[in-house]
PDB file of N, CA and C in Angstrom:
ATOM      1  N   MET A   1       2.160  56.618 121.761  1.00  0.00           N
ATOM      2  CA  MET A   1       2.945  57.213 122.814  1.00  0.00           C
ATOM      3  C   MET A   1       2.310  58.540 123.199  1.00  0.00           C
ATOM      4  N   SER A   2       2.291  58.799 124.474  1.00  0.00           N
ATOM      5  CA  SER A   2       1.701  60.050 124.934  1.00  0.00           C
ATOM      6  C   SER A   2       2.679  61.211 124.744  1.00  0.00           C
ATOM      7  N   GLU A   3       2.120  62.391 124.764  1.00  0.00           N
ATOM      8  CA  GLU A   3       2.902  63.613 124.597  1.00  0.00           C
ATOM      9  C   GLU A   3       3.833  63.807 125.784  1.00  0.00           C
ATOM     10  N   ILE A   4       5.023  64.336 125.523  1.00  0.00           N
ATOM     11  CA  ILE A   4       5.980  64.612 126.596  1.00  0.00           C
ATOM     12  C   ILE A   4       5.508  65.849 127.344  1.00  0.00           C
ATOM     13  N   LYS A   5       5.333  65.702 128.653  1.00  0.00           N
ATOM     14  CA  LYS A   5       4.878  66.811 129.488  1.00  0.00           C
ATOM     15  C   LYS A   5       5.769  66.915 130.706  1.00  0.00           C
ATOM     16  N   PHE A   6       6.003  68.130 131.134  1.00  0.00           N
ATOM     17  CA  PHE A   6       6.792  68.389 132.321  1.00  0.00           C
ATOM     18  C   PHE A   6       5.903  68.980 133.405  1.00  0.00           C
ATOM     19  N   SER A   7       6.267  68.718 134.642  1.00  0.00           N
ATOM     20  CA  SER A   7       5.557  69.351 135.748  1.00  0.00           C
ATOM     21  C   SER A   7       5.887  70.850 135.726  1.00  0.00           C
ATOM     22  N   ILE A   8       5.138  71.621 136.461  1.00  0.00           N
ATOM     23  CA  ILE A   8       5.376  73.066 136.529  1.00  0.00           C
ATOM     24  C   ILE A   8       6.794  73.333 137.042  1.00  0.00           C
ATOM     25  N   THR A   9       7.192  72.596 138.065  1.00  0.00           N
ATOM     26  CA  THR A   9       8.530  72.774 138.637  1.00  0.00           C
ATOM     27  C   THR A   9       9.609  72.424 137.617  1.00  0.00           C
ATOM     28  N   GLN A  10       9.427  71.320 136.909  1.00  0.00           N
ATOM     29  CA  GLN A  10      10.402  70.924 135.893  1.00  0.00           C
ATOM     30  C   GLN A  10      10.488  71.971 134.789  1.00  0.00           C
ATOM     31  N   LYS A  11       9.329  72.447 134.349  1.00  0.00           N
ATOM     32  CA  LYS A  11       9.305  73.429 133.271  1.00  0.00           C
ATOM     33  C   LYS A  11       9.989  74.724 133.704  1.00  0.00           C
ATOM     34  N   GLU A  12       9.738  75.173 134.919  1.00  0.00           N
ATOM     35  CA  GLU A  12      10.387  76.382 135.429  1.00  0.00           C
ATOM     36  C   GLU A  12      11.903  76.215 135.453  1.00  0.00           C
ATOM     37  N   CYS A  13      12.367  75.046 135.872  1.00  0.00           N
ATOM     38  CA  CYS A  13      13.797  74.762 135.921  1.00  0.00           C
ATOM     39  C   CYS A  13      14.393  74.768 134.514  1.00  0.00           C
ATOM     40  N   LEU A  14      13.723  74.137 133.565  1.00  0.00           N
ATOM     41  CA  LEU A  14      14.217  74.088 132.187  1.00  0.00           C
ATOM     42  C   LEU A  14      14.232  75.469 131.540  1.00  0.00           C
ATOM     43  N   ILE A  15      13.215  76.254 131.817  1.00  0.00           N
ATOM     44  CA  ILE A  15      13.160  77.621 131.288  1.00  0.00           C
ATOM     45  C   ILE A  15      14.319  78.432 131.849  1.00  0.00           C
ATOM     46  N   GLN A  16      14.580  78.272 133.128  1.00  0.00           N
ATOM     47  CA  GLN A  16      15.694  78.985 133.748  1.00  0.00           C
ATOM     48  C   GLN A  16      17.021  78.574 133.114  1.00  0.00           C
ATOM     49  N   LYS A  17      17.174  77.296 132.827  1.00  0.00           N
ATOM     50  CA  LYS A  17      18.400  76.819 132.180  1.00  0.00           C
ATOM     51  C   LYS A  17      18.549  77.401 130.779  1.00  0.00           C
ATOM     52  N   LEU A  18      17.456  77.502 130.044  1.00  0.00           N
ATOM     53  CA  LEU A  18      17.507  78.130 128.722  1.00  0.00           C
ATOM     54  C   LEU A  18      17.927  79.595 128.836  1.00  0.00           C
ATOM     55  N   GLN A  19      17.339  80.283 129.780  1.00  0.00           N
ATOM     56  CA  GLN A  19      17.675  81.694 129.969  1.00  0.00           C
ATOM     57  C   GLN A  19      19.144  81.864 130.358  1.00  0.00           C
ATOM     58  N   GLN A  20      19.641  81.004 131.233  1.00  0.00           N
ATOM     59  CA  GLN A  20      21.041  81.067 131.638  1.00  0.00           C
ATOM     60  C   GLN A  20      21.961  80.791 130.449  1.00  0.00           C
ATOM     61  N   TYR A  21      21.590  79.808 129.631  1.00  0.00           N
ATOM     62  CA  TYR A  21      22.408  79.476 128.462  1.00  0.00           C
ATOM     63  C   TYR A  21      22.481  80.667 127.508  1.00  0.00           C
ATOM     64  N   PHE A  22      21.341  81.244 127.207  1.00  0.00           N
ATOM     65  CA  PHE A  22      21.315  82.395 126.307  1.00  0.00           C
ATOM     66  C   PHE A  22      22.151  83.546 126.860  1.00  0.00           C
ATOM     67  N   SER A  23      22.068  83.748 128.149  1.00  0.00           N
ATOM     68  CA  SER A  23      22.818  84.830 128.771  1.00  0.00           C
ATOM     69  C   SER A  23      24.315  84.549 128.762  1.00  0.00           C
ATOM     70  N   ASN A  24      24.700  83.369 129.193  1.00  0.00           N
ATOM     71  CA  ASN A  24      26.116  83.030 129.342  1.00  0.00           C
ATOM     72  C   ASN A  24      26.818  82.760 128.013  1.00  0.00           C
ATOM     73  N   GLU A  25      26.162  82.026 127.126  1.00  0.00           N
ATOM     74  CA  GLU A  25      26.819  81.590 125.900  1.00  0.00           C
ATOM     75  C   GLU A  25      26.559  82.505 124.701  1.00  0.00           C
ATOM     76  N   LEU A  26      25.411  83.125 124.670  1.00  0.00           N
ATOM     77  CA  LEU A  26      25.037  83.939 123.505  1.00  0.00           C
ATOM     78  C   LEU A  26      24.988  85.426 123.819  1.00  0.00           C
ATOM     79  N   ASP A  27      25.178  85.749 125.093  1.00  0.00           N
ATOM     80  CA  ASP A  27      25.138  87.140 125.547  1.00  0.00           C
ATOM     81  C   ASP A  27      23.848  87.843 125.110  1.00  0.00           C
ATOM     82  N   GLN A  28      22.745  87.108 125.256  1.00  0.00           N
ATOM     83  CA  GLN A  28      21.428  87.634 124.905  1.00  0.00           C
ATOM     84  C   GLN A  28      20.451  87.321 126.022  1.00  0.00           C
ATOM     85  N   GLU A  29      19.519  88.231 126.212  1.00  0.00           N
ATOM     86  CA  GLU A  29      18.482  88.012 127.208  1.00  0.00           C
ATOM     87  C   GLU A  29      17.319  87.269 126.550  1.00  0.00           C
ATOM     88  N   LEU A  30      16.841  86.250 127.221  1.00  0.00           N
ATOM     89  CA  LEU A  30      15.693  85.486 126.737  1.00  0.00           C
ATOM     90  C   LEU A  30      14.576  85.655 127.764  1.00  0.00           C
ATOM     91  N   ALA A  31      13.528  86.335 127.364  1.00  0.00           N
ATOM     92  CA  ALA A  31      12.408  86.598 128.273  1.00  0.00           C
ATOM     93  C   ALA A  31      11.707  85.295 128.641  1.00  0.00           C
ATOM     94  N   GLN A  32      11.037  85.310 129.770  1.00  0.00           N
ATOM     95  CA  GLN A  32      10.308  84.133 130.271  1.00  0.00           C
ATOM     96  C   GLN A  32       9.341  83.591 129.218  1.00  0.00           C
ATOM     97  N   PHE A  33       8.592  84.471 128.603  1.00  0.00           N
ATOM     98  CA  PHE A  33       7.601  84.095 127.598  1.00  0.00           C
ATOM     99  C   PHE A  33       8.274  83.415 126.402  1.00  0.00           C
ATOM    100  N   ASP A  34       9.362  84.005 125.925  1.00  0.00           N
ATOM    101  CA  ASP A  34      10.092  83.443 124.784  1.00  0.00           C
ATOM    102  C   ASP A  34      10.737  82.105 125.135  1.00  0.00           C
ATOM    103  N   ALA A  35      11.290  82.010 126.336  1.00  0.00           N
ATOM    104  CA  ALA A  35      11.906  80.763 126.776  1.00  0.00           C
ATOM    105  C   ALA A  35      10.870  79.651 126.873  1.00  0.00           C
ATOM    106  N   ASP A  36       9.679  79.998 127.321  1.00  0.00           N
ATOM    107  CA  ASP A  36       8.587  79.029 127.424  1.00  0.00           C
ATOM    108  C   ASP A  36       8.228  78.492 126.038  1.00  0.00           C
ATOM    109  N   PHE A  37       8.107  79.375 125.056  1.00  0.00           N
ATOM    110  CA  PHE A  37       7.798  78.945 123.696  1.00  0.00           C
ATOM    111  C   PHE A  37       8.942  78.125 123.088  1.00  0.00           C
ATOM    112  N   LEU A  38      10.177  78.520 123.374  1.00  0.00           N
ATOM    113  CA  LEU A  38      11.325  77.775 122.860  1.00  0.00           C
ATOM    114  C   LEU A  38      11.371  76.372 123.453  1.00  0.00           C
ATOM    115  N   LEU A  39      11.101  76.265 124.743  1.00  0.00           N
ATOM    116  CA  LEU A  39      11.051  74.955 125.384  1.00  0.00           C
ATOM    117  C   LEU A  39       9.954  74.099 124.772  1.00  0.00           C
ATOM    118  N   ASP A  40       8.783  74.679 124.544  1.00  0.00           N
ATOM    119  CA  ASP A  40       7.691  73.935 123.907  1.00  0.00           C
ATOM    120  C   ASP A  40       8.100  73.448 122.521  1.00  0.00           C
ATOM    121  N   PHE A  41       8.809  74.296 121.767  1.00  0.00           N
ATOM    122  CA  PHE A  41       9.278  73.911 120.432  1.00  0.00           C
ATOM    123  C   PHE A  41      10.248  72.733 120.527  1.00  0.00           C
ATOM    124  N   PHE A  42      11.254  72.851 121.408  1.00  0.00           N
ATOM    125  CA  PHE A  42      12.227  71.768 121.567  1.00  0.00           C
ATOM    126  C   PHE A  42      11.537  70.471 121.974  1.00  0.00           C
ATOM    127  N   THR A  43      10.610  70.586 122.902  1.00  0.00           N
ATOM    128  CA  THR A  43       9.904  69.405 123.388  1.00  0.00           C
ATOM    129  C   THR A  43       9.115  68.743 122.268  1.00  0.00           C
ATOM    130  N   LYS A  44       8.390  69.549 121.502  1.00  0.00           N
ATOM    131  CA  LYS A  44       7.544  69.008 120.426  1.00  0.00           C
ATOM    132  C   LYS A  44       8.380  68.456 119.276  1.00  0.00           C
ATOM    133  N   GLU A  45       9.385  69.215 118.853  1.00  0.00           N
ATOM    134  CA  GLU A  45      10.132  68.852 117.655  1.00  0.00           C
ATOM    135  C   GLU A  45      11.302  67.898 117.905  1.00  0.00           C
ATOM    136  N   MET A  46      11.861  67.905 119.099  1.00  0.00           N
ATOM    137  CA  MET A  46      13.047  67.098 119.368  1.00  0.00           C
ATOM    138  C   MET A  46      12.888  66.131 120.537  1.00  0.00           C
ATOM    139  N   GLY A  47      11.873  66.337 121.326  1.00  0.00           N
ATOM    140  CA  GLY A  47      11.693  65.525 122.527  1.00  0.00           C
ATOM    141  C   GLY A  47      11.635  64.041 122.266  1.00  0.00           C
ATOM    142  N   ASN A  48      10.946  63.646 121.204  1.00  0.00           N
ATOM    143  CA  ASN A  48      10.823  62.215 120.896  1.00  0.00           C
ATOM    144  C   ASN A  48      12.173  61.580 120.588  1.00  0.00           C
ATOM    145  N   HIS A  49      13.073  62.341 119.978  1.00  0.00           N
ATOM    146  CA  HIS A  49      14.405  61.809 119.684  1.00  0.00           C
ATOM    147  C   HIS A  49      15.159  61.500 120.973  1.00  0.00           C
ATOM    148  N   PHE A  50      15.090  62.424 121.940  1.00  0.00           N
ATOM    149  CA  PHE A  50      15.750  62.203 123.226  1.00  0.00           C
ATOM    150  C   PHE A  50      15.077  61.065 123.998  1.00  0.00           C
ATOM    151  N   TYR A  51      13.769  61.025 123.947  1.00  0.00           N
ATOM    152  CA  TYR A  51      13.015  59.955 124.609  1.00  0.00           C
ATOM    153  C   TYR A  51      13.411  58.598 124.041  1.00  0.00           C
ATOM    154  N   ASN A  52      13.427  58.506 122.700  1.00  0.00           N
ATOM    155  CA  ASN A  52      13.778  57.239 122.052  1.00  0.00           C
ATOM    156  C   ASN A  52      15.201  56.819 122.388  1.00  0.00           C
ATOM    157  N   GLN A  53      16.123  57.783 122.433  1.00  0.00           N
ATOM    158  CA  GLN A  53      17.502  57.445 122.794  1.00  0.00           C
ATOM    159  C   GLN A  53      17.560  56.899 124.213  1.00  0.00           C
ATOM    160  N   GLY A  54      16.769  57.450 125.105  1.00  0.00           N
ATOM    161  CA  GLY A  54      16.694  56.921 126.463  1.00  0.00           C
ATOM    162  C   GLY A  54      16.191  55.490 126.483  1.00  0.00           C
ATOM    163  N   ILE A  55      15.196  55.209 125.644  1.00  0.00           N
ATOM    164  CA  ILE A  55      14.674  53.837 125.532  1.00  0.00           C
ATOM    165  C   ILE A  55      15.767  52.897 125.017  1.00  0.00           C
ATOM    166  N   TYR A  56      16.487  53.324 123.963  1.00  0.00           N
ATOM    167  CA  TYR A  56      17.553  52.487 123.403  1.00  0.00           C
ATOM    168  C   TYR A  56      18.645  52.231 124.441  1.00  0.00           C
ATOM    169  N   ASP A  57      19.004  53.275 125.191  1.00  0.00           N
ATOM    170  CA  ASP A  57      20.030  53.116 126.224  1.00  0.00           C
ATOM    171  C   ASP A  57      19.559  52.150 127.312  1.00  0.00           C
ATOM    172  N   ALA A  58      18.301  52.246 127.697  1.00  0.00           N
ATOM    173  CA  ALA A  58      17.749  51.348 128.718  1.00  0.00           C
ATOM    174  C   ALA A  58      17.710  49.911 128.208  1.00  0.00           C
ATOM    175  N   GLN A  59      17.331  49.730 126.938  1.00  0.00           N
ATOM    176  CA  GLN A  59      17.306  48.380 126.356  1.00  0.00           C
ATOM    177  C   GLN A  59      18.707  47.775 126.344  1.00  0.00           C
ATOM    178  N   LYS A  60      19.691  48.576 125.962  1.00  0.00           N
ATOM    179  CA  LYS A  60      21.070  48.097 125.913  1.00  0.00           C
ATOM    180  C   LYS A  60      21.545  47.693 127.301  1.00  0.00           C
ATOM    181  N   LEU A  61      21.271  48.539 128.290  1.00  0.00           N
ATOM    182  CA  LEU A  61      21.678  48.233 129.656  1.00  0.00           C
ATOM    183  C   LEU A  61      20.991  46.968 130.165  1.00  0.00           C
ATOM    184  N   LEU A  62      19.708  46.840 129.896  1.00  0.00           N
ATOM    185  CA  LEU A  62      18.970  45.656 130.326  1.00  0.00           C
ATOM    186  C   LEU A  62      19.535  44.395 129.674  1.00  0.00           C
ATOM    187  N   THR A  63      19.842  44.466 128.383  1.00  0.00           N
ATOM    188  CA  THR A  63      20.424  43.329 127.678  1.00  0.00           C
ATOM    189  C   THR A  63      21.758  42.940 128.294  1.00  0.00           C
ATOM    190  N   GLU A  64      22.597  43.929 128.587  1.00  0.00           N
ATOM    191  CA  GLU A  64      23.900  43.658 129.209  1.00  0.00           C
ATOM    192  C   GLU A  64      23.725  42.992 130.568  1.00  0.00           C
ATOM    193  N   LYS A  65      22.787  43.497 131.366  1.00  0.00           N
ATOM    194  CA  LYS A  65      22.563  42.930 132.699  1.00  0.00           C
ATOM    195  C   LYS A  65      22.007  41.509 132.612  1.00  0.00           C
ATOM    196  N   LEU A  66      21.095  41.278 131.667  1.00  0.00           N
ATOM    197  CA  LEU A  66      20.536  39.935 131.504  1.00  0.00           C
ATOM    198  C   LEU A  66      21.596  38.950 131.014  1.00  0.00           C
ATOM    199  N   ASP A  67      22.482  39.406 130.130  1.00  0.00           N
ATOM    200  CA  ASP A  67      23.585  38.547 129.684  1.00  0.00           C
ATOM    201  C   ASP A  67      24.483  38.187 130.863  1.00  0.00           C
ATOM    202  N   TYR A  68      24.761  39.165 131.712  1.00  0.00           N
ATOM    203  CA  TYR A  68      25.596  38.921 132.895  1.00  0.00           C
ATOM    204  C   TYR A  68      24.931  37.895 133.817  1.00  0.00           C
ATOM    205  N   ILE A  69      23.645  38.083 134.067  1.00  0.00           N
ATOM    206  CA  ILE A  69      22.916  37.154 134.939  1.00  0.00           C
ATOM    207  C   ILE A  69      22.912  35.752 134.334  1.00  0.00           C
ATOM    208  N   SER A  70      22.697  35.671 133.028  1.00  0.00           N
ATOM    209  CA  SER A  70      22.696  34.373 132.348  1.00  0.00           C
ATOM    210  C   SER A  70      24.049  33.685 132.494  1.00  0.00           C
ATOM    211  N   ASP A  71      25.132  34.447 132.323  1.00  0.00           N
ATOM    212  CA  ASP A  71      26.470  33.879 132.493  1.00  0.00           C
ATOM    213  C   ASP A  71      26.694  33.398 133.925  1.00  0.00           C
ATOM    214  N   GLU A  72      26.254  34.193 134.885  1.00  0.00           N
ATOM    215  CA  GLU A  72      26.408  33.816 136.289  1.00  0.00           C
ATOM    216  C   GLU A  72      25.618  32.544 136.598  1.00  0.00           C
ATOM    217  N   MET A  73      24.425  32.432 136.042  1.00  0.00           N
ATOM    218  CA  MET A  73      23.609  31.234 136.289  1.00  0.00           C
ATOM    219  C   MET A  73      24.247  30.005 135.638  1.00  0.00           C
ATOM    220  N   TYR A  74      24.819  30.196 134.461  1.00  0.00           N
ATOM    221  CA  TYR A  74      25.497  29.088 133.794  1.00  0.00           C
ATOM    222  C   TYR A  74      26.641  28.558 134.656  1.00  0.00           C
ATOM    223  N   GLN A  75      27.346  29.469 135.314  1.00  0.00           N
ATOM    224  CA  GLN A  75      28.475  29.048 136.165  1.00  0.00           C
ATOM    225  C   GLN A  75      27.992  28.309 137.406  1.00  0.00           C
ATOM    226  N   LEU A  76      26.733  28.454 137.778  1.00  0.00           N
ATOM    227  CA  LEU A  76      26.191  27.752 138.942  1.00  0.00           C
ATOM    228  C   LEU A  76      25.783  26.308 138.629  1.00  0.00           C
ATOM    229  N   GLU A  77      25.723  25.986 137.357  1.00  0.00           N
ATOM    230  CA  GLU A  77      25.304  24.627 136.985  1.00  0.00           C
ATOM    231  C   GLU A  77      26.274  23.595 137.547  1.00  0.00           C
ATOM    232  N   LYS A  78      25.694  22.499 137.970  1.00  0.00           N
ATOM    233  CA  LYS A  78      26.481  21.395 138.506  1.00  0.00           C
ATOM    234  C   LYS A  78      26.680  20.360 137.399  1.00  0.00           C
ATOM    235  N   PRO A  79      27.832  19.708 137.401  1.00  0.00           N
ATOM    236  CA  PRO A  79      28.062  18.679 136.384  1.00  0.00           C
ATOM    237  C   PRO A  79      27.106  17.501 136.571  1.00  0.00           C
ATOM    238  N   VAL A  80      26.698  16.960 135.480  1.00  0.00           N
ATOM    239  CA  VAL A  80      25.798  15.812 135.507  1.00  0.00           C
ATOM    240  C   VAL A  80      26.585  14.617 134.975  1.00  0.00           C
ATOM    241  N   SER A  81      26.528  13.507 135.740  1.00  0.00           N
ATOM    242  CA  SER A  81      27.265  12.322 135.289  1.00  0.00           C
ATOM    243  C   SER A  81      26.352  11.190 134.954  1.00  0.00           C
TER     244      SER A  81
END
């Protein structure tokens, strides 16, 4: 699996969200440089867990949709005599 990477725009948005969280919830200022390093840490150390959960959620949804389609196709079958 390749490394999780964000575009510059995505990274700027995530850094801003970290800074807002620190300000609003922790009443602390988080400098741009520190927020960038914190985001890199979260991405490296926890990103794969979030990525994998997304994969599991997608697999579950796909399975549910395929089961639905299979049921619908079964109902289309014509009786054979």
